[in-house]
Each structure stands twice: as structure tokens, then as C-alpha cells.
N, C-alpha and C. Protein backbone atom coordinates (compact mmCIF):
# COMPACT_ATOMS: atom_id res chain seq x y z
N MET A 1 177.95 57.61 110.51
CA MET A 1 177.83 59.03 110.88
C MET A 1 176.88 59.18 112.06
N ALA A 2 177.18 60.15 112.92
CA ALA A 2 176.37 60.35 114.12
C ALA A 2 175.25 61.36 113.88
N VAL A 3 175.11 61.80 112.64
CA VAL A 3 174.09 62.82 112.37
C VAL A 3 172.69 62.27 112.66
N VAL A 4 172.47 61.01 112.32
CA VAL A 4 171.14 60.43 112.51
C VAL A 4 170.80 60.35 113.99
N ASP A 5 171.82 60.23 114.84
CA ASP A 5 171.57 60.12 116.27
C ASP A 5 171.35 61.48 116.93
N ASN A 6 171.49 62.56 116.14
CA ASN A 6 171.36 63.90 116.71
C ASN A 6 170.29 64.67 115.95
N PRO A 7 169.04 64.66 116.43
CA PRO A 7 167.93 65.32 115.72
C PRO A 7 168.20 66.81 115.51
N LYS A 8 168.84 67.46 116.48
CA LYS A 8 169.11 68.90 116.33
C LYS A 8 170.07 69.14 115.17
N LEU A 9 171.12 68.32 115.10
CA LEU A 9 172.09 68.47 114.02
C LEU A 9 171.42 68.16 112.68
N LEU A 10 170.57 67.15 112.68
CA LEU A 10 169.88 66.79 111.45
C LEU A 10 168.98 67.93 110.99
N ALA A 11 168.29 68.57 111.91
CA ALA A 11 167.40 69.68 111.56
C ALA A 11 168.22 70.84 111.00
N GLU A 12 169.38 71.10 111.61
CA GLU A 12 170.23 72.20 111.12
C GLU A 12 170.74 71.90 109.72
N ALA A 13 171.13 70.65 109.49
CA ALA A 13 171.62 70.27 108.17
C ALA A 13 170.50 70.39 107.13
N GLU A 14 169.30 70.01 107.52
CA GLU A 14 168.17 70.09 106.59
C GLU A 14 167.87 71.55 106.25
N ALA A 15 167.90 72.42 107.27
CA ALA A 15 167.64 73.84 107.03
C ALA A 15 168.71 74.43 106.12
N LEU A 16 169.95 74.05 106.34
CA LEU A 16 171.05 74.56 105.52
C LEU A 16 170.90 74.08 104.08
N ALA A 17 170.57 72.82 103.90
CA ALA A 17 170.40 72.26 102.56
C ALA A 17 169.24 72.96 101.85
N ARG A 18 168.16 73.22 102.58
CA ARG A 18 167.00 73.88 101.97
C ARG A 18 167.37 75.31 101.56
N LYS A 19 168.15 76.00 102.40
CA LYS A 19 168.55 77.36 102.08
C LYS A 19 169.43 77.37 100.83
N MET A 20 170.36 76.43 100.75
CA MET A 20 171.24 76.36 99.58
C MET A 20 170.42 76.04 98.33
N PHE A 21 169.44 75.16 98.47
CA PHE A 21 168.61 74.78 97.33
C PHE A 21 167.80 75.98 96.83
N GLU A 22 167.28 76.78 97.78
CA GLU A 22 166.50 77.96 97.38
C GLU A 22 167.39 78.99 96.70
N ASP A 23 168.65 79.09 97.17
CA ASP A 23 169.56 80.06 96.57
C ASP A 23 169.92 79.67 95.13
N MET A 24 169.88 78.37 94.83
CA MET A 24 170.26 77.93 93.48
C MET A 24 169.17 78.26 92.47
N GLU A 25 167.93 78.27 92.88
CA GLU A 25 166.83 78.50 91.94
C GLU A 25 166.76 79.95 91.48
């Protein structure tokens, strides 16, 4: 996967995952 090579994409994915995690609680 090229996600690791793209810090911006990685940051966006992390933010999205964190938002989804907060919504689950």
C-alpha cells in the first residue's frame, strides 16, 4: 500500500479513524 509513503494521506486516515472511534463511544 502507498499510504505509508504519503504522510498527508496517513494523517487523513488517522483523523478519520479517530472520528469514527469517538462516534462509537
